[in-house]
């Protein structure tokens, strides 16, 4: 498994993002553009929930996308994020097998 996946999972903030996006309706208010489940959660909402600037949150989100744990989707000028459940399951399987 790629070392970057371990780096991505080594952050409380990134783990929180992954947890929130598992049930976005429970953790985020409705969005004007994009459905929370079908399209993902707007990066602005994630930054607000993290209590940090959009650029700082964006770095966490970019890393999670780069290692394949999140997918991103553009709608208008916004970027929406959702978990890649297939990739997450693959990482979990690999971790279980390697231990």
PDB file of N, CA and C in Angstrom:
ATOM      1  N   UNK A   1       0.846  -1.177   0.000  1.00  0.00           N
ATOM      2  CA  UNK A   1       0.000   0.000   0.000  1.00  0.00           C
ATOM      3  C   UNK A   1       0.885   1.231   0.000  1.00  0.00           C
ATOM      4  N   UNK A   2       0.432   2.242  -0.644  1.00  0.00           N
ATOM      5  CA  UNK A   2       1.146   3.496  -0.784  1.00  0.00           C
ATOM      6  C   UNK A   2       1.323   4.174   0.576  1.00  0.00           C
ATOM      7  N   UNK A   3       2.525   4.626   0.859  1.00  0.00           N
ATOM      8  CA  UNK A   3       2.819   5.315   2.115  1.00  0.00           C
ATOM      9  C   UNK A   3       1.953   6.567   2.288  1.00  0.00           C
ATOM     10  N   UNK A   4       1.584   7.208   1.188  1.00  0.00           N
ATOM     11  CA  UNK A   4       0.752   8.414   1.266  1.00  0.00           C
ATOM     12  C   UNK A   4      -0.609   8.132   1.901  1.00  0.00           C
ATOM     13  N   UNK A   5      -1.134   6.922   1.750  1.00  0.00           N
ATOM     14  CA  UNK A   5      -2.403   6.573   2.388  1.00  0.00           C
ATOM     15  C   UNK A   5      -2.236   6.634   3.901  1.00  0.00           C
ATOM     16  N   UNK A   6      -1.120   6.099   4.408  1.00  0.00           N
ATOM     17  CA  UNK A   6      -0.868   6.145   5.846  1.00  0.00           C
ATOM     18  C   UNK A   6      -0.723   7.586   6.327  1.00  0.00           C
ATOM     19  N   UNK A   7      -0.049   8.413   5.540  1.00  0.00           N
ATOM     20  CA  UNK A   7       0.082   9.829   5.896  1.00  0.00           C
ATOM     21  C   UNK A   7      -1.289  10.494   5.943  1.00  0.00           C
ATOM     22  N   UNK A   8      -2.131  10.173   4.979  1.00  0.00           N
ATOM     23  CA  UNK A   8      -3.470  10.765   4.933  1.00  0.00           C
ATOM     24  C   UNK A   8      -4.285  10.363   6.153  1.00  0.00           C
ATOM     25  N   UNK A   9      -4.126   9.133   6.604  1.00  0.00           N
ATOM     26  CA  UNK A   9      -4.891   8.638   7.743  1.00  0.00           C
ATOM     27  C   UNK A   9      -4.280   9.039   9.083  1.00  0.00           C
ATOM     28  N   UNK A  10      -3.119   9.672   9.063  1.00  0.00           N
ATOM     29  CA  UNK A  10      -2.420  10.057  10.294  1.00  0.00           C
ATOM     30  C   UNK A  10      -2.876  11.407  10.843  1.00  0.00           C
ATOM     31  N   UNK A  11      -3.908  11.982  10.272  1.00  0.00           N
ATOM     32  CA  UNK A  11      -4.388  13.299  10.706  1.00  0.00           C
ATOM     33  C   UNK A  11      -5.790  13.185  11.296  1.00  0.00           C
ATOM     34  N   UNK A  12      -5.968  13.728  12.498  1.00  0.00           N
ATOM     35  CA  UNK A  12      -7.297  13.740  13.113  1.00  0.00           C
ATOM     36  C   UNK A  12      -8.300  14.491  12.240  1.00  0.00           C
ATOM     37  N   UNK A  13      -7.848  15.558  11.602  1.00  0.00           N
ATOM     38  CA  UNK A  13      -8.755  16.346  10.755  1.00  0.00           C
ATOM     39  C   UNK A  13      -9.219  15.546   9.540  1.00  0.00           C
ATOM     40  N   UNK A  14      -8.299  14.826   8.910  1.00  0.00           N
ATOM     41  CA  UNK A  14      -8.679  14.021   7.745  1.00  0.00           C
ATOM     42  C   UNK A  14      -9.551  12.836   8.150  1.00  0.00           C
ATOM     43  N   UNK A  15      -9.282  12.257   9.311  1.00  0.00           N
ATOM     44  CA  UNK A  15     -10.141  11.176   9.795  1.00  0.00           C
ATOM     45  C   UNK A  15     -11.542  11.708  10.099  1.00  0.00           C
ATOM     46  N   UNK A  16     -11.623  12.926  10.636  1.00  0.00           N
ATOM     47  CA  UNK A  16     -12.932  13.536  10.906  1.00  0.00           C
ATOM     48  C   UNK A  16     -13.688  13.760   9.601  1.00  0.00           C
ATOM     49  N   UNK A  17     -12.992  14.257   8.581  1.00  0.00           N
ATOM     50  CA  UNK A  17     -13.635  14.475   7.276  1.00  0.00           C
ATOM     51  C   UNK A  17     -14.221  13.159   6.757  1.00  0.00           C
ATOM     52  N   UNK A  18     -13.432  12.099   6.810  1.00  0.00           N
ATOM     53  CA  UNK A  18     -13.910  10.801   6.336  1.00  0.00           C
ATOM     54  C   UNK A  18     -15.117  10.330   7.141  1.00  0.00           C
ATOM     55  N   UNK A  19     -15.101  10.548   8.443  1.00  0.00           N
ATOM     56  CA  UNK A  19     -16.233  10.144   9.295  1.00  0.00           C
ATOM     57  C   UNK A  19     -17.478  10.959   8.956  1.00  0.00           C
ATOM     58  N   UNK A  20     -17.331  12.271   8.828  1.00  0.00           N
ATOM     59  CA  UNK A  20     -18.487  13.129   8.508  1.00  0.00           C
ATOM     60  C   UNK A  20     -19.094  12.760   7.165  1.00  0.00           C
ATOM     61  N   UNK A  21     -18.233  12.481   6.184  1.00  0.00           N
ATOM     62  CA  UNK A  21     -18.739  12.191   4.845  1.00  0.00           C
ATOM     63  C   UNK A  21     -19.367  10.804   4.738  1.00  0.00           C
ATOM     64  N   UNK A  22     -19.178   9.975   5.761  1.00  0.00           N
ATOM     65  CA  UNK A  22     -19.855   8.669   5.762  1.00  0.00           C
ATOM     66  C   UNK A  22     -21.361   8.866   5.893  1.00  0.00           C
ATOM     67  N   UNK A  23     -21.767   9.913   6.620  1.00  0.00           N
ATOM     68  CA  UNK A  23     -23.189  10.244   6.784  1.00  0.00           C
ATOM     69  C   UNK A  23     -23.343  11.755   6.663  1.00  0.00           C
ATOM     70  N   UNK A  24     -23.245  12.283   5.444  1.00  0.00           N
ATOM     71  CA  UNK A  24     -23.236  13.736   5.278  1.00  0.00           C
ATOM     72  C   UNK A  24     -24.512  14.433   5.731  1.00  0.00           C
ATOM     73  N   UNK A  25     -25.647  13.772   5.617  1.00  0.00           N
ATOM     74  CA  UNK A  25     -26.923  14.392   6.014  1.00  0.00           C
ATOM     75  C   UNK A  25     -26.935  14.660   7.520  1.00  0.00           C
ATOM     76  N   UNK A  26     -26.301  13.788   8.286  1.00  0.00           N
ATOM     77  CA  UNK A  26     -26.257  13.956   9.739  1.00  0.00           C
ATOM     78  C   UNK A  26     -25.280  15.046  10.177  1.00  0.00           C
ATOM     79  N   UNK A  27     -24.306  15.370   9.319  1.00  0.00           N
ATOM     80  CA  UNK A  27     -23.233  16.273   9.736  1.00  0.00           C
ATOM     81  C   UNK A  27     -23.228  17.634   9.049  1.00  0.00           C
ATOM     82  N   UNK A  28     -23.988  17.796   7.971  1.00  0.00           N
ATOM     83  CA  UNK A  28     -23.959  19.055   7.227  1.00  0.00           C
ATOM     84  C   UNK A  28     -25.373  19.522   6.919  1.00  0.00           C
ATOM     85  N   UNK A  29     -25.530  20.845   6.875  1.00  0.00           N
ATOM     86  CA  UNK A  29     -26.831  21.410   6.523  1.00  0.00           C
ATOM     87  C   UNK A  29     -27.058  21.255   5.020  1.00  0.00           C
ATOM     88  N   UNK A  30     -28.316  21.338   4.586  1.00  0.00           N
ATOM     89  CA  UNK A  30     -28.591  21.224   3.146  1.00  0.00           C
ATOM     90  C   UNK A  30     -27.848  22.308   2.353  1.00  0.00           C
ATOM     91  N   UNK A  31     -27.485  21.950   1.127  1.00  0.00           N
ATOM     92  CA  UNK A  31     -26.745  22.853   0.250  1.00  0.00           C
ATOM     93  C   UNK A  31     -27.670  23.418  -0.820  1.00  0.00           C
ATOM     94  N   UNK A  32     -27.332  24.613  -1.275  1.00  0.00           N
ATOM     95  CA  UNK A  32     -28.096  25.224  -2.368  1.00  0.00           C
ATOM     96  C   UNK A  32     -27.810  24.493  -3.681  1.00  0.00           C
ATOM     97  N   UNK A  33     -26.545  24.250  -3.937  1.00  0.00           N
ATOM     98  CA  UNK A  33     -26.123  23.519  -5.142  1.00  0.00           C
ATOM     99  C   UNK A  33     -25.610  22.153  -4.710  1.00  0.00           C
ATOM    100  N   UNK A  34     -26.027  21.124  -5.400  1.00  0.00           N
ATOM    101  CA  UNK A  34     -25.520  19.788  -5.132  1.00  0.00           C
ATOM    102  C   UNK A  34     -26.200  19.090  -3.974  1.00  0.00           C
ATOM    103  N   UNK A  35     -26.526  17.833  -4.183  1.00  0.00           N
ATOM    104  CA  UNK A  35     -27.132  16.998  -3.153  1.00  0.00           C
ATOM    105  C   UNK A  35     -26.031  16.427  -2.258  1.00  0.00           C
ATOM    106  N   UNK A  36     -26.228  16.474  -0.944  1.00  0.00           N
ATOM    107  CA  UNK A  36     -25.217  15.998  -0.004  1.00  0.00           C
ATOM    108  C   UNK A  36     -24.799  14.555  -0.279  1.00  0.00           C
ATOM    109  N   UNK A  37     -25.735  13.705  -0.631  1.00  0.00           N
ATOM    110  CA  UNK A  37     -25.440  12.286  -0.837  1.00  0.00           C
ATOM    111  C   UNK A  37     -24.987  12.023  -2.272  1.00  0.00           C
ATOM    112  N   UNK A  38     -25.749  12.508  -3.241  1.00  0.00           N
ATOM    113  CA  UNK A  38     -25.455  12.202  -4.649  1.00  0.00           C
ATOM    114  C   UNK A  38     -24.223  12.932  -5.179  1.00  0.00           C
ATOM    115  N   UNK A  39     -24.043  14.194  -4.762  1.00  0.00           N
ATOM    116  CA  UNK A  39     -22.949  15.014  -5.298  1.00  0.00           C
ATOM    117  C   UNK A  39     -21.790  15.190  -4.332  1.00  0.00           C
ATOM    118  N   UNK A  40     -22.030  15.001  -3.045  1.00  0.00           N
ATOM    119  CA  UNK A  40     -20.999  15.219  -2.044  1.00  0.00           C
ATOM    120  C   UNK A  40     -21.218  16.527  -1.314  1.00  0.00           C
ATOM    121  N   UNK A  41     -20.296  16.833  -0.427  1.00  0.00           N
ATOM    122  CA  UNK A  41     -20.386  18.024   0.415  1.00  0.00           C
ATOM    123  C   UNK A  41     -19.435  19.088  -0.119  1.00  0.00           C
ATOM    124  N   UNK A  42     -19.921  20.308  -0.177  1.00  0.00           N
ATOM    125  CA  UNK A  42     -19.118  21.434  -0.652  1.00  0.00           C
ATOM    126  C   UNK A  42     -17.914  21.639   0.271  1.00  0.00           C
ATOM    127  N   UNK A  43     -16.780  21.900  -0.328  1.00  0.00           N
ATOM    128  CA  UNK A  43     -15.559  22.150   0.436  1.00  0.00           C
ATOM    129  C   UNK A  43     -15.693  23.298   1.417  1.00  0.00           C
ATOM    130  N   UNK A  44     -16.534  24.275   1.101  1.00  0.00           N
ATOM    131  CA  UNK A  44     -16.761  25.412   2.000  1.00  0.00           C
ATOM    132  C   UNK A  44     -17.377  24.918   3.310  1.00  0.00           C
ATOM    133  N   UNK A  45     -18.349  24.018   3.212  1.00  0.00           N
ATOM    134  CA  UNK A  45     -19.006  23.480   4.407  1.00  0.00           C
ATOM    135  C   UNK A  45     -18.016  22.671   5.257  1.00  0.00           C
ATOM    136  N   UNK A  46     -17.152  21.921   4.576  1.00  0.00           N
ATOM    137  CA  UNK A  46     -16.157  21.118   5.294  1.00  0.00           C
ATOM    138  C   UNK A  46     -15.178  22.031   6.025  1.00  0.00           C
ATOM    139  N   UNK A  47     -14.725  23.086   5.360  1.00  0.00           N
ATOM    140  CA  UNK A  47     -13.816  24.050   5.996  1.00  0.00           C
ATOM    141  C   UNK A  47     -14.466  24.676   7.223  1.00  0.00           C
ATOM    142  N   UNK A  48     -15.736  25.054   7.096  1.00  0.00           N
ATOM    143  CA  UNK A  48     -16.451  25.642   8.235  1.00  0.00           C
ATOM    144  C   UNK A  48     -16.500  24.664   9.405  1.00  0.00           C
ATOM    145  N   UNK A  49     -16.830  23.417   9.126  1.00  0.00           N
ATOM    146  CA  UNK A  49     -16.954  22.412  10.188  1.00  0.00           C
ATOM    147  C   UNK A  49     -15.597  22.143  10.838  1.00  0.00           C
ATOM    148  N   UNK A  50     -14.526  22.204  10.059  1.00  0.00           N
ATOM    149  CA  UNK A  50     -13.180  22.023  10.603  1.00  0.00           C
ATOM    150  C   UNK A  50     -12.727  23.248  11.404  1.00  0.00           C
ATOM    151  N   UNK A  51     -13.371  24.403  11.166  1.00  0.00           N
ATOM    152  CA  UNK A  51     -12.968  25.639  11.831  1.00  0.00           C
ATOM    153  C   UNK A  51     -11.668  26.198  11.285  1.00  0.00           C
ATOM    154  N   UNK A  52     -11.474  26.038   9.985  1.00  0.00           N
ATOM    155  CA  UNK A  52     -10.239  26.540   9.366  1.00  0.00           C
ATOM    156  C   UNK A  52     -10.561  27.200   8.031  1.00  0.00           C
ATOM    157  N   UNK A  53      -9.577  27.874   7.484  1.00  0.00           N
ATOM    158  CA  UNK A  53      -9.769  28.560   6.202  1.00  0.00           C
ATOM    159  C   UNK A  53      -9.998  27.543   5.092  1.00  0.00           C
ATOM    160  N   UNK A  54     -10.611  28.008   4.016  1.00  0.00           N
ATOM    161  CA  UNK A  54     -10.838  27.128   2.871  1.00  0.00           C
ATOM    162  C   UNK A  54      -9.526  26.617   2.275  1.00  0.00           C
ATOM    163  N   UNK A  55      -8.487  27.464   2.130  1.00  0.00           N
ATOM    164  CA  UNK A  55      -7.229  26.929   1.594  1.00  0.00           C
ATOM    165  C   UNK A  55      -6.606  25.846   2.482  1.00  0.00           C
ATOM    166  N   UNK A  56      -6.676  26.026   3.794  1.00  0.00           N
ATOM    167  CA  UNK A  56      -6.113  25.019   4.704  1.00  0.00           C
ATOM    168  C   UNK A  56      -6.907  23.716   4.610  1.00  0.00           C
ATOM    169  N   UNK A  57      -8.227  23.817   4.625  1.00  0.00           N
ATOM    170  CA  UNK A  57      -9.068  22.628   4.480  1.00  0.00           C
ATOM    171  C   UNK A  57      -8.840  21.988   3.116  1.00  0.00           C
ATOM    172  N   UNK A  58      -8.661  22.821   2.109  1.00  0.00           N
ATOM    173  CA  UNK A  58      -8.428  22.328   0.752  1.00  0.00           C
ATOM    174  C   UNK A  58      -7.204  21.435   0.650  1.00  0.00           C
ATOM    175  N   UNK A  59      -6.167  21.736   1.425  1.00  0.00           N
ATOM    176  CA  UNK A  59      -4.968  20.892   1.416  1.00  0.00           C
ATOM    177  C   UNK A  59      -5.283  19.491   1.956  1.00  0.00           C
ATOM    178  N   UNK A  60      -6.076  19.435   3.019  1.00  0.00           N
ATOM    179  CA  UNK A  60      -6.488  18.127   3.558  1.00  0.00           C
ATOM    180  C   UNK A  60      -7.320  17.372   2.526  1.00  0.00           C
ATOM    181  N   UNK A  61      -8.253  18.070   1.897  1.00  0.00           N
ATOM    182  CA  UNK A  61      -9.135  17.440   0.920  1.00  0.00           C
ATOM    183  C   UNK A  61      -8.365  16.966  -0.305  1.00  0.00           C
ATOM    184  N   UNK A  62      -7.420  17.778  -0.777  1.00  0.00           N
ATOM    185  CA  UNK A  62      -6.615  17.384  -1.943  1.00  0.00           C
ATOM    186  C   UNK A  62      -5.831  16.105  -1.670  1.00  0.00           C
ATOM    187  N   UNK A  63      -5.275  15.991  -0.464  1.00  0.00           N
ATOM    188  CA  UNK A  63      -4.515  14.788  -0.121  1.00  0.00           C
ATOM    189  C   UNK A  63      -5.432  13.560  -0.110  1.00  0.00           C
ATOM    190  N   UNK A  64      -6.617  13.706   0.476  1.00  0.00           N
ATOM    191  CA  UNK A  64      -7.555  12.584   0.510  1.00  0.00           C
ATOM    192  C   UNK A  64      -7.998  12.185  -0.893  1.00  0.00           C
ATOM    193  N   UNK A  65      -8.138  13.151  -1.784  1.00  0.00           N
ATOM    194  CA  UNK A  65      -8.474  12.850  -3.182  1.00  0.00           C
ATOM    195  C   UNK A  65      -7.288  12.167  -3.858  1.00  0.00           C
ATOM    196  N   UNK A  66      -6.085  12.696  -3.636  1.00  0.00           N
ATOM    197  CA  UNK A  66      -4.893  12.149  -4.289  1.00  0.00           C
ATOM    198  C   UNK A  66      -4.671  10.681  -3.941  1.00  0.00           C
ATOM    199  N   UNK A  67      -4.947  10.291  -2.697  1.00  0.00           N
ATOM    200  CA  UNK A  67      -4.737   8.888  -2.322  1.00  0.00           C
ATOM    201  C   UNK A  67      -5.969   8.033  -2.604  1.00  0.00           C
ATOM    202  N   UNK A  68      -7.025   8.660  -3.133  1.00  0.00           N
ATOM    203  CA  UNK A  68      -8.187   7.911  -3.597  1.00  0.00           C
ATOM    204  C   UNK A  68      -9.280   7.673  -2.566  1.00  0.00           C
ATOM    205  N   UNK A  69      -9.152   8.249  -1.371  1.00  0.00           N
ATOM    206  CA  UNK A  69     -10.169   8.026  -0.351  1.00  0.00           C
ATOM    207  C   UNK A  69     -11.403   8.902  -0.559  1.00  0.00           C
ATOM    208  N   UNK A  70     -11.241  10.009  -1.266  1.00  0.00           N
ATOM    209  CA  UNK A  70     -12.357  10.886  -1.627  1.00  0.00           C
ATOM    210  C   UNK A  70     -12.373  11.088  -3.127  1.00  0.00           C
ATOM    211  N   UNK A  71     -13.563  11.395  -3.641  1.00  0.00           N
ATOM    212  CA  UNK A  71     -13.735  11.834  -5.029  1.00  0.00           C
ATOM    213  C   UNK A  71     -14.198  13.279  -4.980  1.00  0.00           C
ATOM    214  N   UNK A  72     -13.785  14.046  -5.966  1.00  0.00           N
ATOM    215  CA  UNK A  72     -14.231  15.434  -6.034  1.00  0.00           C
ATOM    216  C   UNK A  72     -15.041  15.639  -7.307  1.00  0.00           C
ATOM    217  N   UNK A  73     -15.936  16.614  -7.237  1.00  0.00           N
ATOM    218  CA  UNK A  73     -16.830  16.909  -8.354  1.00  0.00           C
ATOM    219  C   UNK A  73     -17.076  18.411  -8.367  1.00  0.00           C
ATOM    220  N   UNK A  74     -16.933  19.023  -9.535  1.00  0.00           N
ATOM    221  CA  UNK A  74     -17.182  20.456  -9.671  1.00  0.00           C
ATOM    222  C   UNK A  74     -18.633  20.695 -10.080  1.00  0.00           C
ATOM    223  N   UNK A  75     -19.282  21.624  -9.383  1.00  0.00           N
ATOM    224  CA  UNK A  75     -20.601  22.118  -9.755  1.00  0.00           C
ATOM    225  C   UNK A  75     -20.521  23.634  -9.654  1.00  0.00           C
ATOM    226  N   UNK A  76     -20.749  24.290 -10.781  1.00  0.00           N
ATOM    227  CA  UNK A  76     -20.563  25.744 -10.869  1.00  0.00           C
ATOM    228  C   UNK A  76     -19.138  26.054 -10.425  1.00  0.00           C
ATOM    229  N   UNK A  77     -18.976  26.970  -9.469  1.00  0.00           N
ATOM    230  CA  UNK A  77     -17.618  27.321  -9.024  1.00  0.00           C
ATOM    231  C   UNK A  77     -17.186  26.545  -7.782  1.00  0.00           C
ATOM    232  N   UNK A  78     -17.985  25.569  -7.341  1.00  0.00           N
ATOM    233  CA  UNK A  78     -17.731  24.859  -6.092  1.00  0.00           C
ATOM    234  C   UNK A  78     -17.199  23.454  -6.341  1.00  0.00           C
ATOM    235  N   UNK A  79     -16.444  22.966  -5.380  1.00  0.00           N
ATOM    236  CA  UNK A  79     -15.977  21.586  -5.433  1.00  0.00           C
ATOM    237  C   UNK A  79     -16.638  20.815  -4.298  1.00  0.00           C
ATOM    238  N   UNK A  80     -17.198  19.662  -4.656  1.00  0.00           N
ATOM    239  CA  UNK A  80     -17.920  18.809  -3.713  1.00  0.00           C
ATOM    240  C   UNK A  80     -17.132  17.517  -3.525  1.00  0.00           C
ATOM    241  N   UNK A  81     -17.204  16.983  -2.299  1.00  0.00           N
ATOM    242  CA  UNK A  81     -16.407  15.806  -1.952  1.00  0.00           C
ATOM    243  C   UNK A  81     -17.286  14.711  -1.388  1.00  0.00           C
ATOM    244  N   UNK A  82     -16.971  13.463  -1.793  1.00  0.00           N
ATOM    245  CA  UNK A  82     -17.631  12.305  -1.210  1.00  0.00           C
ATOM    246  C   UNK A  82     -16.628  11.166  -1.116  1.00  0.00           C
ATOM    247  N   UNK A  83     -16.920  10.262  -0.207  1.00  0.00           N
ATOM    248  CA  UNK A  83     -16.037   9.125   0.013  1.00  0.00           C
ATOM    249  C   UNK A  83     -16.043   8.191  -1.197  1.00  0.00           C
ATOM    250  N   UNK A  84     -14.908   7.575  -1.456  1.00  0.00           N
ATOM    251  CA  UNK A  84     -14.828   6.507  -2.450  1.00  0.00           C
ATOM    252  C   UNK A  84     -14.868   5.203  -1.656  1.00  0.00           C
ATOM    253  N   UNK A  85     -16.071   4.681  -1.480  1.00  0.00           N
ATOM    254  CA  UNK A  85     -16.271   3.515  -0.616  1.00  0.00           C
ATOM    255  C   UNK A  85     -15.508   2.289  -1.109  1.00  0.00           C
ATOM    256  N   UNK A  86     -15.381   2.134  -2.408  1.00  0.00           N
ATOM    257  CA  UNK A  86     -14.643   0.994  -2.948  1.00  0.00           C
ATOM    258  C   UNK A  86     -13.169   1.072  -2.561  1.00  0.00           C
ATOM    259  N   UNK A  87     -12.579   2.254  -2.688  1.00  0.00           N
ATOM    260  CA  UNK A  87     -11.165   2.444  -2.330  1.00  0.00           C
ATOM    261  C   UNK A  87     -10.967   2.281  -0.820  1.00  0.00           C
ATOM    262  N   UNK A  88     -11.898   2.815  -0.025  1.00  0.00           N
ATOM    263  CA  UNK A  88     -11.800   2.693   1.431  1.00  0.00           C
ATOM    264  C   UNK A  88     -11.853   1.217   1.836  1.00  0.00           C
ATOM    265  N   UNK A  89     -12.739   0.452   1.225  1.00  0.00           N
ATOM    266  CA  UNK A  89     -12.833  -0.983   1.516  1.00  0.00           C
ATOM    267  C   UNK A  89     -11.528  -1.694   1.142  1.00  0.00           C
ATOM    268  N   UNK A  90     -10.948  -1.293   0.018  1.00  0.00           N
ATOM    269  CA  UNK A  90      -9.677  -1.874  -0.428  1.00  0.00           C
ATOM    270  C   UNK A  90      -8.570  -1.593   0.588  1.00  0.00           C
ATOM    271  N   UNK A  91      -8.503  -0.360   1.077  1.00  0.00           N
ATOM    272  CA  UNK A  91      -7.489   0.008   2.076  1.00  0.00           C
ATOM    273  C   UNK A  91      -7.699  -0.796   3.359  1.00  0.00           C
ATOM    274  N   UNK A  92      -8.947  -0.914   3.791  1.00  0.00           N
ATOM    275  CA  UNK A  92      -9.242  -1.696   5.007  1.00  0.00           C
ATOM    276  C   UNK A  92      -8.812  -3.150   4.840  1.00  0.00           C
ATOM    277  N   UNK A  93      -9.121  -3.737   3.678  1.00  0.00           N
ATOM    278  CA  UNK A  93      -8.726  -5.123   3.418  1.00  0.00           C
ATOM    279  C   UNK A  93      -7.208  -5.283   3.464  1.00  0.00           C
ATOM    280  N   UNK A  94      -6.522  -4.354   2.829  1.00  0.00           N
ATOM    281  CA  UNK A  94      -5.059  -4.417   2.782  1.00  0.00           C
ATOM    282  C   UNK A  94      -4.476  -4.305   4.189  1.00  0.00           C
ATOM    283  N   UNK A  95      -5.020  -3.406   4.997  1.00  0.00           N
ATOM    284  CA  UNK A  95      -4.521  -3.250   6.365  1.00  0.00           C
ATOM    285  C   UNK A  95      -4.741  -4.531   7.166  1.00  0.00           C
ATOM    286  N   UNK A  96      -5.911  -5.144   7.001  1.00  0.00           N
ATOM    287  CA  UNK A  96      -6.213  -6.379   7.746  1.00  0.00           C
ATOM    288  C   UNK A  96      -5.290  -7.519   7.305  1.00  0.00           C
ATOM    289  N   UNK A  97      -5.035  -7.608   6.005  1.00  0.00           N
ATOM    290  CA  UNK A  97      -4.185  -8.676   5.486  1.00  0.00           C
ATOM    291  C   UNK A  97      -2.739  -8.482   5.909  1.00  0.00           C
ATOM    292  N   UNK A  98      -2.286  -7.227   5.918  1.00  0.00           N
ATOM    293  CA  UNK A  98      -0.892  -6.953   6.234  1.00  0.00           C
ATOM    294  C   UNK A  98      -0.566  -7.123   7.700  1.00  0.00           C
ATOM    295  N   UNK A  99      -1.563  -7.022   8.556  1.00  0.00           N
ATOM    296  CA  UNK A  99      -1.305  -7.178   9.989  1.00  0.00           C
ATOM    297  C   UNK A  99      -1.370  -8.631  10.316  1.00  0.00           C
TER     298      UNK A  99
END
